[in-house]
Amino acid sequence: MVFALASILLMTADHRTHHLEALRGALSVAVYPLQYVVDLPVALGRWVSETMTSRHKLLEENAALRTRQFVLRTELQRMAALEAENLRLRALHESSTQIDGRILIAEIMAVDLDPYKHRVVIDKGADDGVCTGQPLLDADGVMGQTTHVGPLSATAMLITDVSQATPVQINRNGLRAIAVGTGATDRLRLPHLPNNADIRVGDLLVTSGLGGRFPPGYPVARVSAVRHDPGRPFATVTAIPTAHLDRSREVMLVWPKGHACGADSAARTAPAARTRP
């Protein structure tokens, strides 16, 4: 009771006279360090919590940004691949407009890894009207011809296979020759050309049509070297294929007018391949 009565008297006196303001200020200054120390763990805990929350949020945002960057880079690579594919298909389309006959676009499914056997497998077969011996081209020239045909796929031998020989002629003067595979995708050889043959580096070799395997006039290779040896009866001539044998993914199967394989397959594959007037 005494303390309560004293408190009431002090509060009444302070309210009326304000004599205790100085004492209250002094006590506040004296008690502040104690209040700061008491509040420090709470403030420290709040700071740590906010810091951890901010760090966790930043880590989540960083992970999300990394994922988004990866997705965008993947999409960019896919767009680049699609653009390259569109360019190849456009080149095939432009090349196909110069072909007198029916064509069908096919995709290379597999490549023979044997360095001495240059063969590829395409995703078109007998069900699409493909037949054995059919010419195979890309946008830049002759690639080879089919050697085995299944219902859904076919195997083709490239012109650089060591067992392949392609009848050609020099586009400049009509001189006929045989382009033989060397086992290298970037080289053909032309044997049995006399030393005095009119052939030059840079001459374009096109199919001659002899033998009935390839229709005439399709680009095959360009002469890269001519060496005349007086001690030998024949010149040494090499040429570089115009087709991209080691890079092409899409190819054209051709049904030239009058070709042996075209008559029977035309009726079966009219919806699958395009007929030219």
C-alpha atoms as a PDB file:
ATOM      1  CA  MET A   1       0.000   0.000   0.000  1.00  0.00           C
ATOM      2  CA  VAL A   2       2.817   2.396   0.813  1.00  0.00           C
ATOM      3  CA  PHE A   3       4.489   1.891  -2.560  1.00  0.00           C
ATOM      4  CA  ALA A   4       1.206   2.199  -4.416  1.00  0.00           C
ATOM      5  CA  LEU A   5       0.357   5.416  -2.588  1.00  0.00           C
ATOM      6  CA  ALA A   6       3.847   6.779  -3.267  1.00  0.00           C
ATOM      7  CA  SER A   7       3.517   5.958  -6.954  1.00  0.00           C
ATOM      8  CA  ILE A   8       0.171   7.744  -7.189  1.00  0.00           C
ATOM      9  CA  LEU A   9       1.595  10.824  -5.463  1.00  0.00           C
ATOM     10  CA  LEU A  10       4.645  10.896  -7.760  1.00  0.00           C
ATOM     11  CA  MET A  11       2.496  10.512 -10.897  1.00  0.00           C
ATOM     12  CA  THR A  12       0.190  13.318  -9.762  1.00  0.00           C
ATOM     13  CA  ALA A  13       3.107  15.625  -8.961  1.00  0.00           C
ATOM     14  CA  ASP A  14       4.822  14.839 -12.281  1.00  0.00           C
ATOM     15  CA  HIS A  15       1.636  15.462 -14.206  1.00  0.00           C
ATOM     16  CA  ARG A  16       1.193  18.876 -12.632  1.00  0.00           C
ATOM     17  CA  THR A  17       4.752  20.131 -12.194  1.00  0.00           C
ATOM     18  CA  HIS A  18       6.878  18.028 -14.678  1.00  0.00           C
ATOM     19  CA  HIS A  19       9.742  17.919 -12.187  1.00  0.00           C
ATOM     20  CA  LEU A  20      10.558  14.297 -13.027  1.00  0.00           C
ATOM     21  CA  GLU A  21      11.284  14.849 -16.768  1.00  0.00           C
ATOM     22  CA  ALA A  22      14.992  15.263 -16.173  1.00  0.00           C
ATOM     23  CA  LEU A  23      15.114  12.160 -14.008  1.00  0.00           C
ATOM     24  CA  ARG A  24      13.178  10.174 -16.606  1.00  0.00           C
ATOM     25  CA  GLY A  25      15.586  11.280 -19.357  1.00  0.00           C
ATOM     26  CA  ALA A  26      18.604  10.325 -17.292  1.00  0.00           C
ATOM     27  CA  LEU A  27      17.144   6.917 -16.488  1.00  0.00           C
ATOM     28  CA  SER A  28      16.294   6.387 -20.189  1.00  0.00           C
ATOM     29  CA  VAL A  29      19.893   7.060 -21.196  1.00  0.00           C
ATOM     30  CA  ALA A  30      21.176   4.782 -18.462  1.00  0.00           C
ATOM     31  CA  VAL A  31      18.805   1.939 -19.374  1.00  0.00           C
ATOM     32  CA  TYR A  32      19.291   2.170 -23.216  1.00  0.00           C
ATOM     33  CA  PRO A  33      22.412  -0.050 -23.347  1.00  0.00           C
ATOM     34  CA  LEU A  34      20.569  -2.696 -21.350  1.00  0.00           C
ATOM     35  CA  GLN A  35      17.561  -2.480 -23.689  1.00  0.00           C
ATOM     36  CA  TYR A  36      19.911  -2.727 -26.695  1.00  0.00           C
ATOM     37  CA  VAL A  37      21.622  -5.814 -25.278  1.00  0.00           C
ATOM     38  CA  VAL A  38      18.285  -7.433 -24.463  1.00  0.00           C
ATOM     39  CA  ASP A  39      16.923  -6.664 -27.956  1.00  0.00           C
ATOM     40  CA  LEU A  40      20.124  -7.691 -29.763  1.00  0.00           C
ATOM     41  CA  PRO A  41      19.365 -11.453 -30.032  1.00  0.00           C
ATOM     42  CA  VAL A  42      15.908 -10.682 -31.414  1.00  0.00           C
ATOM     43  CA  ALA A  43      17.316  -8.199 -33.963  1.00  0.00           C
ATOM     44  CA  LEU A  44      20.129 -10.596 -34.873  1.00  0.00           C
ATOM     45  CA  GLY A  45      17.663 -13.441 -35.343  1.00  0.00           C
ATOM     46  CA  ARG A  46      15.475 -11.251 -37.551  1.00  0.00           C
ATOM     47  CA  TRP A  47      18.502 -10.191 -39.648  1.00  0.00           C
ATOM     48  CA  VAL A  48      19.694 -13.772 -40.062  1.00  0.00           C
ATOM     49  CA  SER A  49      16.189 -14.881 -41.040  1.00  0.00           C
ATOM     50  CA  GLU A  50      15.816 -12.091 -43.594  1.00  0.00           C
ATOM     51  CA  THR A  51      19.307 -12.763 -44.960  1.00  0.00           C
ATOM     52  CA  MET A  52      18.662 -16.492 -45.319  1.00  0.00           C
ATOM     53  CA  THR A  53      15.294 -15.827 -46.934  1.00  0.00           C
ATOM     54  CA  SER A  54      16.866 -13.381 -49.386  1.00  0.00           C
ATOM     55  CA  ARG A  55      19.704 -15.814 -50.153  1.00  0.00           C
ATOM     56  CA  HIS A  56      17.274 -18.687 -50.674  1.00  0.00           C
ATOM     57  CA  LYS A  57      15.176 -16.505 -52.946  1.00  0.00           C
ATOM     58  CA  LEU A  58      18.252 -15.417 -54.896  1.00  0.00           C
ATOM     59  CA  LEU A  59      19.357 -19.052 -55.261  1.00  0.00           C
ATOM     60  CA  GLU A  60      15.906 -20.006 -56.548  1.00  0.00           C
ATOM     61  CA  GLU A  61      15.896 -17.096 -59.003  1.00  0.00           C
ATOM     62  CA  ASN A  62      19.432 -17.991 -60.121  1.00  0.00           C
ATOM     63  CA  ALA A  63      18.443 -21.633 -60.683  1.00  0.00           C
ATOM     64  CA  ALA A  64      15.347 -20.543 -62.607  1.00  0.00           C
ATOM     65  CA  LEU A  65      17.433 -18.185 -64.755  1.00  0.00           C
ATOM     66  CA  ARG A  66      20.001 -20.918 -65.436  1.00  0.00           C
ATOM     67  CA  THR A  67      17.236 -23.298 -66.462  1.00  0.00           C
ATOM     68  CA  ARG A  68      15.700 -20.655 -68.696  1.00  0.00           C
ATOM     69  CA  GLN A  69      19.083 -19.896 -70.242  1.00  0.00           C
ATOM     70  CA  PHE A  70      19.647 -23.594 -70.939  1.00  0.00           C
ATOM     71  CA  VAL A  71      16.194 -23.902 -72.523  1.00  0.00           C
ATOM     72  CA  LEU A  72      16.759 -20.805 -74.655  1.00  0.00           C
ATOM     73  CA  ARG A  73      20.179 -22.037 -75.792  1.00  0.00           C
ATOM     74  CA  THR A  74      18.675 -25.411 -76.684  1.00  0.00           C
ATOM     75  CA  GLU A  75      15.865 -23.705 -78.594  1.00  0.00           C
ATOM     76  CA  LEU A  76      18.418 -21.487 -80.354  1.00  0.00           C
ATOM     77  CA  GLN A  77      20.435 -24.531 -81.427  1.00  0.00           C
ATOM     78  CA  ARG A  78      17.245 -26.192 -82.631  1.00  0.00           C
ATOM     79  CA  MET A  79      16.316 -23.062 -84.575  1.00  0.00           C
ATOM     80  CA  ALA A  80      19.771 -23.031 -86.155  1.00  0.00           C
ATOM     81  CA  ALA A  81      19.382 -26.701 -87.102  1.00  0.00           C
ATOM     82  CA  LEU A  82      15.928 -26.025 -88.568  1.00  0.00           C
ATOM     83  CA  GLU A  83      17.278 -23.065 -90.526  1.00  0.00           C
ATOM     84  CA  ALA A  84      20.090 -25.196 -91.939  1.00  0.00           C
ATOM     85  CA  GLU A  85      17.585 -27.935 -92.813  1.00  0.00           C
ATOM     86  CA  ASN A  86      15.339 -25.387 -94.536  1.00  0.00           C
ATOM     87  CA  LEU A  87      18.303 -24.151 -96.565  1.00  0.00           C
ATOM     88  CA  ARG A  88      19.126 -27.716 -97.628  1.00  0.00           C
ATOM     89  CA  LEU A  89      15.506 -28.449 -98.555  1.00  0.00           C
ATOM     90  CA  ARG A  90      15.276 -25.173-100.468  1.00  0.00           C
ATOM     91  CA  ALA A  91      18.419 -26.095-102.389  1.00  0.00           C
ATOM     92  CA  LEU A  92      16.941 -29.524-103.148  1.00  0.00           C
ATOM     93  CA  HIS A  93      13.717 -27.917-104.316  1.00  0.00           C
ATOM     94  CA  GLU A  94      15.553 -25.486-106.585  1.00  0.00           C
ATOM     95  CA  SER A  95      17.632 -28.333-107.973  1.00  0.00           C
ATOM     96  CA  SER A  96      14.550 -30.506-108.529  1.00  0.00           C
ATOM     97  CA  THR A  97      12.993 -27.891-110.807  1.00  0.00           C
ATOM     98  CA  GLN A  98      15.781 -28.623-113.304  1.00  0.00           C
ATOM     99  CA  ILE A  99      15.125 -32.374-113.376  1.00  0.00           C
ATOM    100  CA  ASP A 100      13.000 -33.769-116.167  1.00  0.00           C
ATOM    101  CA  GLY A 101      11.111 -36.515-114.399  1.00  0.00           C
ATOM    102  CA  ARG A 102       9.593 -37.525-111.116  1.00  0.00           C
ATOM    103  CA  ILE A 103      11.441 -37.077-107.823  1.00  0.00           C
ATOM    104  CA  LEU A 104      11.055 -38.130-104.207  1.00  0.00           C
ATOM    105  CA  ILE A 105      12.848 -36.601-101.226  1.00  0.00           C
ATOM    106  CA  ALA A 106      14.399 -39.146 -98.846  1.00  0.00           C
ATOM    107  CA  GLU A 107      16.449 -38.874 -95.676  1.00  0.00           C
ATOM    108  CA  ILE A 108      19.669 -40.729 -94.928  1.00  0.00           C
ATOM    109  CA  MET A 109      19.096 -43.045 -91.955  1.00  0.00           C
ATOM    110  CA  ALA A 110      22.497 -44.725 -91.648  1.00  0.00           C
ATOM    111  CA  VAL A 111      25.988 -44.592 -93.113  1.00  0.00           C
ATOM    112  CA  ASP A 112      28.292 -47.590 -93.582  1.00  0.00           C
ATOM    113  CA  LEU A 113      31.328 -47.022 -91.348  1.00  0.00           C
ATOM    114  CA  ASP A 114      33.550 -49.296 -93.459  1.00  0.00           C
ATOM    115  CA  PRO A 115      36.040 -46.930 -95.174  1.00  0.00           C
ATOM    116  CA  TYR A 116      36.120 -49.177 -98.236  1.00  0.00           C
ATOM    117  CA  LYS A 117      32.339 -49.396 -98.631  1.00  0.00           C
ATOM    118  CA  HIS A 118      30.665 -46.073 -99.243  1.00  0.00           C
ATOM    119  CA  ARG A 119      27.016 -46.959 -98.717  1.00  0.00           C
ATOM    120  CA  VAL A 120      24.068 -45.239 -97.085  1.00  0.00           C
ATOM    121  CA  VAL A 121      20.587 -46.345 -96.027  1.00  0.00           C
ATOM    122  CA  ILE A 122      17.615 -44.122 -96.886  1.00  0.00           C
ATOM    123  CA  ASP A 123      14.093 -44.088 -95.444  1.00  0.00           C
ATOM    124  CA  LYS A 124      12.270 -44.875 -98.699  1.00  0.00           C
ATOM    125  CA  GLY A 125      11.760 -48.333-100.150  1.00  0.00           C
ATOM    126  CA  ALA A 126       9.701 -50.471-102.497  1.00  0.00           C
ATOM    127  CA  ASP A 127       6.466 -49.256-100.905  1.00  0.00           C
ATOM    128  CA  ASP A 128       7.412 -45.785-102.174  1.00  0.00           C
ATOM    129  CA  GLY A 129       8.215 -47.077-105.660  1.00  0.00           C
ATOM    130  CA  VAL A 130      11.989 -47.202-105.219  1.00  0.00           C
ATOM    131  CA  CYS A 131      13.786 -49.768-107.367  1.00  0.00           C
ATOM    132  CA  THR A 132      17.302 -51.140-107.691  1.00  0.00           C
ATOM    133  CA  GLY A 133      19.676 -48.999-109.736  1.00  0.00           C
ATOM    134  CA  GLN A 134      17.771 -45.776-109.169  1.00  0.00           C
ATOM    135  CA  PRO A 135      19.832 -42.540-109.285  1.00  0.00           C
ATOM    136  CA  LEU A 136      20.430 -40.731-106.012  1.00  0.00           C
ATOM    137  CA  LEU A 137      21.249 -37.002-105.994  1.00  0.00           C
ATOM    138  CA  ASP A 138      21.626 -34.085-103.622  1.00  0.00           C
ATOM    139  CA  ALA A 139      21.243 -30.399-104.489  1.00  0.00           C
ATOM    140  CA  ASP A 140      24.722 -30.268-106.072  1.00  0.00           C
ATOM    141  CA  GLY A 141      25.105 -33.461-108.036  1.00  0.00           C
ATOM    142  CA  VAL A 142      25.036 -37.243-108.322  1.00  0.00           C
ATOM    143  CA  MET A 143      25.582 -39.170-105.083  1.00  0.00           C
ATOM    144  CA  GLY A 144      25.136 -42.754-106.241  1.00  0.00           C
ATOM    145  CA  GLN A 145      22.451 -45.318-106.970  1.00  0.00           C
ATOM    146  CA  THR A 146      20.360 -47.824-105.052  1.00  0.00           C
ATOM    147  CA  THR A 147      21.757 -51.347-104.836  1.00  0.00           C
ATOM    148  CA  HIS A 148      19.255 -53.058-102.528  1.00  0.00           C
ATOM    149  CA  VAL A 149      15.614 -52.147-101.934  1.00  0.00           C
ATOM    150  CA  GLY A 150      13.466 -53.297 -99.028  1.00  0.00           C
ATOM    151  CA  PRO A 151       9.805 -52.497 -98.396  1.00  0.00           C
ATOM    152  CA  LEU A 152      10.512 -49.443 -96.211  1.00  0.00           C
ATOM    153  CA  SER A 153      14.162 -48.573 -96.860  1.00  0.00           C
ATOM    154  CA  ALA A 154      16.881 -48.897 -99.462  1.00  0.00           C
ATOM    155  CA  THR A 155      20.669 -49.119 -99.585  1.00  0.00           C
ATOM    156  CA  ALA A 156      22.577 -46.919-102.008  1.00  0.00           C
ATOM    157  CA  MET A 157      26.198 -47.106-103.139  1.00  0.00           C
ATOM    158  CA  LEU A 158      27.981 -43.759-103.423  1.00  0.00           C
ATOM    159  CA  ILE A 159      29.999 -42.850-106.499  1.00  0.00           C
ATOM    160  CA  THR A 160      33.204 -42.836-104.416  1.00  0.00           C
ATOM    161  CA  ASP A 161      32.907 -46.535-103.497  1.00  0.00           C
ATOM    162  CA  VAL A 162      35.894 -48.413-104.917  1.00  0.00           C
ATOM    163  CA  SER A 163      33.580 -50.746-106.848  1.00  0.00           C
ATOM    164  CA  GLN A 164      31.591 -47.928-108.454  1.00  0.00           C
ATOM    165  CA  ALA A 165      32.298 -46.621-111.972  1.00  0.00           C
ATOM    166  CA  THR A 166      30.203 -43.781-113.374  1.00  0.00           C
ATOM    167  CA  PRO A 167      30.113 -42.966-117.117  1.00  0.00           C
ATOM    168  CA  VAL A 168      30.787 -39.232-117.479  1.00  0.00           C
ATOM    169  CA  GLN A 169      31.674 -36.680-120.087  1.00  0.00           C
ATOM    170  CA  ILE A 170      33.400 -33.318-119.947  1.00  0.00           C
ATOM    171  CA  ASN A 171      30.702 -30.688-120.108  1.00  0.00           C
ATOM    172  CA  ARG A 172      32.976 -28.336-122.068  1.00  0.00           C
ATOM    173  CA  ASN A 173      33.713 -30.579-125.034  1.00  0.00           C
ATOM    174  CA  GLY A 174      31.758 -33.837-124.618  1.00  0.00           C
ATOM    175  CA  LEU A 175      34.858 -36.008-124.104  1.00  0.00           C
ATOM    176  CA  ARG A 176      33.723 -39.266-122.495  1.00  0.00           C
ATOM    177  CA  ALA A 177      35.427 -40.957-119.547  1.00  0.00           C
ATOM    178  CA  ILE A 178      34.765 -43.202-116.559  1.00  0.00           C
ATOM    179  CA  ALA A 179      34.825 -41.760-113.026  1.00  0.00           C
ATOM    180  CA  VAL A 180      35.968 -44.471-110.622  1.00  0.00           C
ATOM    181  CA  GLY A 181      35.618 -44.389-106.840  1.00  0.00           C
ATOM    182  CA  THR A 182      38.804 -44.190-104.784  1.00  0.00           C
ATOM    183  CA  GLY A 183      37.436 -44.952-101.318  1.00  0.00           C
ATOM    184  CA  ALA A 184      37.770 -41.280-100.345  1.00  0.00           C
ATOM    185  CA  THR A 185      34.615 -39.153-100.240  1.00  0.00           C
ATOM    186  CA  ASP A 186      36.422 -36.173-101.764  1.00  0.00           C
ATOM    187  CA  ARG A 187      38.119 -37.816-104.735  1.00  0.00           C
ATOM    188  CA  LEU A 188      37.386 -39.705-107.948  1.00  0.00           C
ATOM    189  CA  ARG A 189      39.850 -40.827-110.587  1.00  0.00           C
ATOM    190  CA  LEU A 190      39.515 -40.925-114.352  1.00  0.00           C
ATOM    191  CA  PRO A 191      41.652 -43.799-115.698  1.00  0.00           C
ATOM    192  CA  HIS A 192      42.551 -44.566-119.309  1.00  0.00           C
ATOM    193  CA  LEU A 193      42.546 -40.976-120.565  1.00  0.00           C
ATOM    194  CA  PRO A 194      45.317 -40.451-123.146  1.00  0.00           C
ATOM    195  CA  ASN A 195      48.034 -37.922-122.374  1.00  0.00           C
ATOM    196  CA  ASN A 196      46.801 -35.763-125.228  1.00  0.00           C
ATOM    197  CA  ALA A 197      43.187 -35.758-124.026  1.00  0.00           C
ATOM    198  CA  ASP A 198      41.580 -32.314-123.923  1.00  0.00           C
ATOM    199  CA  ILE A 199      40.900 -32.106-120.199  1.00  0.00           C
ATOM    200  CA  ARG A 200      41.710 -29.265-117.820  1.00  0.00           C
ATOM    201  CA  VAL A 201      41.585 -28.510-114.126  1.00  0.00           C
ATOM    202  CA  GLY A 202      38.162 -27.054-113.355  1.00  0.00           C
ATOM    203  CA  ASP A 203      36.314 -28.962-116.092  1.00  0.00           C
ATOM    204  CA  LEU A 204      32.834 -30.064-114.999  1.00  0.00           C
ATOM    205  CA  LEU A 205      32.067 -33.759-115.402  1.00  0.00           C
ATOM    206  CA  VAL A 206      28.433 -34.700-116.013  1.00  0.00           C
ATOM    207  CA  THR A 207      26.721 -38.046-116.519  1.00  0.00           C
ATOM    208  CA  SER A 208      26.940 -39.213-120.113  1.00  0.00           C
ATOM    209  CA  GLY A 209      23.904 -41.507-119.995  1.00  0.00           C
ATOM    210  CA  LEU A 210      25.882 -44.466-121.347  1.00  0.00           C
ATOM    211  CA  GLY A 211      24.990 -47.786-119.751  1.00  0.00           C
ATOM    212  CA  GLY A 212      21.493 -46.615-118.868  1.00  0.00           C
ATOM    213  CA  ARG A 213      22.228 -46.308-115.153  1.00  0.00           C
ATOM    214  CA  PHE A 214      22.274 -42.523-114.931  1.00  0.00           C
ATOM    215  CA  PRO A 215      20.359 -40.146-117.180  1.00  0.00           C
ATOM    216  CA  PRO A 216      22.620 -37.699-119.043  1.00  0.00           C
ATOM    217  CA  GLY A 217      23.529 -34.213-117.902  1.00  0.00           C
ATOM    218  CA  TYR A 218      23.671 -34.536-114.094  1.00  0.00           C
ATOM    219  CA  PRO A 219      26.770 -32.965-112.434  1.00  0.00           C
ATOM    220  CA  VAL A 220      29.165 -35.559-111.040  1.00  0.00           C
ATOM    221  CA  ALA A 221      32.526 -33.949-110.273  1.00  0.00           C
ATOM    222  CA  ARG A 222      34.955 -31.191-111.128  1.00  0.00           C
ATOM    223  CA  VAL A 223      38.502 -31.966-112.313  1.00  0.00           C
ATOM    224  CA  SER A 224      41.001 -31.110-109.577  1.00  0.00           C
ATOM    225  CA  ALA A 225      44.315 -32.345-111.009  1.00  0.00           C
ATOM    226  CA  VAL A 226      45.732 -33.424-114.377  1.00  0.00           C
ATOM    227  CA  ARG A 227      49.227 -34.897-114.603  1.00  0.00           C
ATOM    228  CA  HIS A 228      50.798 -35.947-117.900  1.00  0.00           C
ATOM    229  CA  ASP A 229      53.551 -38.562-117.670  1.00  0.00           C
ATOM    230  CA  PRO A 230      55.461 -38.999-120.956  1.00  0.00           C
ATOM    231  CA  GLY A 231      56.584 -42.446-119.818  1.00  0.00           C
ATOM    232  CA  ARG A 232      53.011 -43.694-119.509  1.00  0.00           C
ATOM    233  CA  PRO A 233      50.241 -43.959-122.096  1.00  0.00           C
ATOM    234  CA  PHE A 234      47.576 -42.415-119.879  1.00  0.00           C
ATOM    235  CA  ALA A 235      47.269 -39.204-117.899  1.00  0.00           C
ATOM    236  CA  THR A 236      46.596 -39.200-114.161  1.00  0.00           C
ATOM    237  CA  VAL A 237      43.363 -37.305-113.574  1.00  0.00           C
ATOM    238  CA  THR A 238      41.479 -36.782-110.317  1.00  0.00           C
ATOM    239  CA  ALA A 239      38.220 -34.979-109.631  1.00  0.00           C
ATOM    240  CA  ILE A 240      36.216 -33.764-106.640  1.00  0.00           C
ATOM    241  CA  PRO A 241      32.541 -34.828-106.442  1.00  0.00           C
ATOM    242  CA  THR A 242      30.112 -31.925-106.664  1.00  0.00           C
ATOM    243  CA  ALA A 243      27.665 -33.630-104.275  1.00  0.00           C
ATOM    244  CA  HIS A 244      28.296 -33.329-100.536  1.00  0.00           C
ATOM    245  CA  LEU A 245      28.703 -37.047 -99.966  1.00  0.00           C
ATOM    246  CA  ASP A 246      29.854 -36.719 -96.354  1.00  0.00           C
ATOM    247  CA  ARG A 247      27.381 -34.029 -95.260  1.00  0.00           C
ATOM    248  CA  SER A 248      24.068 -34.380 -97.074  1.00  0.00           C
ATOM    249  CA  ARG A 249      21.134 -35.589 -94.961  1.00  0.00           C
ATOM    250  CA  GLU A 250      18.354 -35.203 -97.499  1.00  0.00           C
ATOM    251  CA  VAL A 251      18.643 -36.741-100.968  1.00  0.00           C
ATOM    252  CA  MET A 252      16.548 -36.966-104.117  1.00  0.00           C
ATOM    253  CA  LEU A 253      15.452 -40.188-105.746  1.00  0.00           C
ATOM    254  CA  VAL A 254      14.905 -39.591-109.429  1.00  0.00           C
ATOM    255  CA  TRP A 255      12.585 -41.294-111.910  1.00  0.00           C
ATOM    256  CA  PRO A 256      13.845 -39.857-115.211  1.00  0.00           C
ATOM    257  CA  LYS A 257      11.520 -40.150-118.174  1.00  0.00           C
ATOM    258  CA  GLY A 258      12.144 -43.409-119.970  1.00  0.00           C
ATOM    259  CA  HIS A 259      14.190 -44.879-117.114  1.00  0.00           C
ATOM    260  CA  ALA A 260      13.643 -48.631-116.691  1.00  0.00           C
ATOM    261  CA  CYS A 261      12.487 -48.294-113.086  1.00  0.00           C
ATOM    262  CA  GLY A 262      10.059 -45.464-113.652  1.00  0.00           C
ATOM    263  CA  ALA A 263       7.232 -47.130-115.548  1.00  0.00           C
ATOM    264  CA  ASP A 264       6.160 -49.713-112.985  1.00  0.00           C
ATOM    265  CA  SER A 265       6.711 -47.535-109.924  1.00  0.00           C
ATOM    266  CA  ALA A 266       4.934 -44.492-111.311  1.00  0.00           C
ATOM    267  CA  ALA A 267       1.486 -46.002-110.880  1.00  0.00           C
ATOM    268  CA  ARG A 268       2.228 -47.111-107.306  1.00  0.00           C
ATOM    269  CA  THR A 269       3.779 -43.890-106.035  1.00  0.00           C
ATOM    270  CA  ALA A 270       1.910 -41.071-107.724  1.00  0.00           C
ATOM    271  CA  PRO A 271       0.803 -39.597-104.352  1.00  0.00           C
ATOM    272  CA  ALA A 272       4.250 -39.993-102.798  1.00  0.00           C
ATOM    273  CA  ALA A 273       6.381 -38.434-105.503  1.00  0.00           C
ATOM    274  CA  ARG A 274       5.975 -35.411-107.690  1.00  0.00           C
ATOM    275  CA  THR A 275       5.458 -35.717-111.457  1.00  0.00           C
ATOM    276  CA  ARG A 276       6.843 -33.074-113.754  1.00  0.00           C
ATOM    277  CA  PRO A 277       5.267 -32.274-117.126  1.00  0.00           C
END
